[in-house]
Amino acid sequence: MSLQDEATAVLAWATAEQQRLEAELTTVHQTRRLVEAKMAELQHPKCENRRAQEREVPDRFVSLRISALDKELTEVRRVKCLAEQTLAGAGA
């Protein structure tokens, strides 16, 4: 397999992975909005007896997931850029 073939394969993978991660990130952001709405509801005076920690756990989980996805997406974009540069160099 030539370097150009490998770069083409990597580019295809990175493009698909980027799309998957962006879709998952969109879903996690939607989850964050849902969690924030639920947390606001739990802070209502009628729900005073709920522990604050119960409201924080989902928000922390979502925040950590967003951070992890952002990092992974950054690395996938770097790989994609490298593949694109390799293909551009091979074409020159």
C-alpha atoms as a PDB file:
ATOM      1  CA  MET A   1       0.000   0.000   0.000  1.00  0.00           C
ATOM      2  CA  SER A   2       1.469   3.344  -1.003  1.00  0.00           C
ATOM      3  CA  LEU A   3       1.706   6.363   1.269  1.00  0.00           C
ATOM      4  CA  GLN A   4      -1.008   8.043  -0.800  1.00  0.00           C
ATOM      5  CA  ASP A   5      -3.303   5.010  -0.390  1.00  0.00           C
ATOM      6  CA  GLU A   6      -2.679   4.993   3.352  1.00  0.00           C
ATOM      7  CA  ALA A   7      -3.327   8.739   3.599  1.00  0.00           C
ATOM      8  CA  THR A   8      -6.571   8.290   1.643  1.00  0.00           C
ATOM      9  CA  ALA A   9      -7.688   5.517   4.005  1.00  0.00           C
ATOM     10  CA  VAL A  10      -6.767   7.581   7.069  1.00  0.00           C
ATOM     11  CA  LEU A  11      -8.598  10.597   5.657  1.00  0.00           C
ATOM     12  CA  ALA A  12     -11.744   8.518   5.093  1.00  0.00           C
ATOM     13  CA  TRP A  13     -11.562   7.144   8.644  1.00  0.00           C
ATOM     14  CA  ALA A  14     -10.857  10.559  10.177  1.00  0.00           C
ATOM     15  CA  THR A  15     -13.730  12.164   8.275  1.00  0.00           C
ATOM     16  CA  ALA A  16     -16.170   9.471   9.433  1.00  0.00           C
ATOM     17  CA  GLU A  17     -14.842   9.637  13.000  1.00  0.00           C
ATOM     18  CA  GLN A  18     -15.113  13.429  13.020  1.00  0.00           C
ATOM     19  CA  GLN A  19     -18.750  13.216  11.907  1.00  0.00           C
ATOM     20  CA  ARG A  20     -19.503  10.608  14.575  1.00  0.00           C
ATOM     21  CA  LEU A  21     -17.867  12.651  17.328  1.00  0.00           C
ATOM     22  CA  GLU A  22     -19.592  15.853  16.241  1.00  0.00           C
ATOM     23  CA  ALA A  23     -22.958  14.066  16.313  1.00  0.00           C
ATOM     24  CA  GLU A  24     -22.234  12.646  19.768  1.00  0.00           C
ATOM     25  CA  LEU A  25     -21.092  16.053  20.983  1.00  0.00           C
ATOM     26  CA  THR A  26     -24.359  17.575  19.751  1.00  0.00           C
ATOM     27  CA  THR A  27     -26.289  14.915  21.661  1.00  0.00           C
ATOM     28  CA  VAL A  28     -24.284  15.514  24.832  1.00  0.00           C
ATOM     29  CA  HIS A  29     -24.920  19.263  24.582  1.00  0.00           C
ATOM     30  CA  GLN A  30     -28.641  18.490  24.278  1.00  0.00           C
ATOM     31  CA  THR A  31     -28.311  16.274  27.348  1.00  0.00           C
ATOM     32  CA  ARG A  32     -26.619  19.137  29.186  1.00  0.00           C
ATOM     33  CA  ARG A  33     -29.588  21.409  28.447  1.00  0.00           C
ATOM     34  CA  LEU A  34     -31.941  18.711  29.730  1.00  0.00           C
ATOM     35  CA  VAL A  35     -29.862  18.264  32.898  1.00  0.00           C
ATOM     36  CA  GLU A  36     -29.787  22.020  33.475  1.00  0.00           C
ATOM     37  CA  ALA A  37     -33.565  22.203  33.084  1.00  0.00           C
ATOM     38  CA  LYS A  38     -34.040  19.295  35.487  1.00  0.00           C
ATOM     39  CA  MET A  39     -31.613  20.856  37.975  1.00  0.00           C
ATOM     40  CA  ALA A  40     -33.590  24.100  37.857  1.00  0.00           C
ATOM     41  CA  GLU A  41     -36.739  22.113  38.507  1.00  0.00           C
ATOM     42  CA  LEU A  42     -35.118  20.362  41.476  1.00  0.00           C
ATOM     43  CA  GLN A  43     -34.137  23.720  42.931  1.00  0.00           C
ATOM     44  CA  HIS A  44     -37.809  24.650  43.080  1.00  0.00           C
ATOM     45  CA  PRO A  45     -38.961  25.241  46.700  1.00  0.00           C
ATOM     46  CA  LYS A  46     -41.219  22.171  46.546  1.00  0.00           C
ATOM     47  CA  CYS A  47     -38.124  20.006  46.005  1.00  0.00           C
ATOM     48  CA  GLU A  48     -36.000  21.487  48.810  1.00  0.00           C
ATOM     49  CA  ASN A  49     -35.533  18.121  50.443  1.00  0.00           C
ATOM     50  CA  ARG A  50     -33.425  16.876  47.509  1.00  0.00           C
ATOM     51  CA  ARG A  51     -29.715  16.904  48.192  1.00  0.00           C
ATOM     52  CA  ALA A  52     -27.592  19.339  46.217  1.00  0.00           C
ATOM     53  CA  GLN A  53     -25.219  16.502  45.373  1.00  0.00           C
ATOM     54  CA  GLU A  54     -27.993  14.686  43.496  1.00  0.00           C
ATOM     55  CA  ARG A  55     -28.245  17.687  41.182  1.00  0.00           C
ATOM     56  CA  GLU A  56     -24.493  17.990  40.650  1.00  0.00           C
ATOM     57  CA  VAL A  57     -23.678  14.404  39.619  1.00  0.00           C
ATOM     58  CA  PRO A  58     -25.371  14.442  36.180  1.00  0.00           C
ATOM     59  CA  ASP A  59     -23.944  17.883  35.414  1.00  0.00           C
ATOM     60  CA  ARG A  60     -20.416  16.754  36.297  1.00  0.00           C
ATOM     61  CA  PHE A  61     -20.797  13.632  34.163  1.00  0.00           C
ATOM     62  CA  VAL A  62     -22.008  15.649  31.172  1.00  0.00           C
ATOM     63  CA  SER A  63     -19.218  18.206  31.607  1.00  0.00           C
ATOM     64  CA  LEU A  64     -16.585  15.464  31.716  1.00  0.00           C
ATOM     65  CA  ARG A  65     -18.072  13.794  28.629  1.00  0.00           C
ATOM     66  CA  ILE A  66     -18.060  17.076  26.690  1.00  0.00           C
ATOM     67  CA  SER A  67     -14.443  17.655  27.660  1.00  0.00           C
ATOM     68  CA  ALA A  68     -13.439  14.137  26.590  1.00  0.00           C
ATOM     69  CA  LEU A  69     -15.259  14.443  23.270  1.00  0.00           C
ATOM     70  CA  ASP A  70     -13.686  17.837  22.600  1.00  0.00           C
ATOM     71  CA  LYS A  71     -10.214  16.385  23.190  1.00  0.00           C
ATOM     72  CA  GLU A  72     -10.884  13.346  21.016  1.00  0.00           C
ATOM     73  CA  LEU A  73     -12.313  15.522  18.255  1.00  0.00           C
ATOM     74  CA  THR A  74      -9.220  17.739  18.354  1.00  0.00           C
ATOM     75  CA  GLU A  75      -6.961  14.701  17.902  1.00  0.00           C
ATOM     76  CA  VAL A  76      -9.087  13.329  15.051  1.00  0.00           C
ATOM     77  CA  ARG A  77      -8.907  16.710  13.327  1.00  0.00           C
ATOM     78  CA  ARG A  78      -5.118  16.662  13.682  1.00  0.00           C
ATOM     79  CA  VAL A  79      -4.934  13.214  12.084  1.00  0.00           C
ATOM     80  CA  LYS A  80      -7.265  14.356   9.319  1.00  0.00           C
ATOM     81  CA  CYS A  81      -5.111  17.434   8.685  1.00  0.00           C
ATOM     82  CA  LEU A  82      -1.987  15.271   8.513  1.00  0.00           C
ATOM     83  CA  ALA A  83      -3.652  12.975   5.963  1.00  0.00           C
ATOM     84  CA  GLU A  84      -4.781  15.975   3.906  1.00  0.00           C
ATOM     85  CA  GLN A  85      -1.263  17.431   3.973  1.00  0.00           C
ATOM     86  CA  THR A  86       0.184  14.094   2.943  1.00  0.00           C
ATOM     87  CA  LEU A  87      -2.215  13.866   0.015  1.00  0.00           C
ATOM     88  CA  ALA A  88      -1.539  17.464  -0.989  1.00  0.00           C
ATOM     89  CA  GLY A  89       2.205  16.784  -0.905  1.00  0.00           C
ATOM     90  CA  ALA A  90       1.806  13.607  -2.943  1.00  0.00           C
ATOM     91  CA  GLY A  91      -0.171  15.463  -5.575  1.00  0.00           C
ATOM     92  CA  ALA A  92       2.451  18.195  -5.954  1.00  0.00           C
END
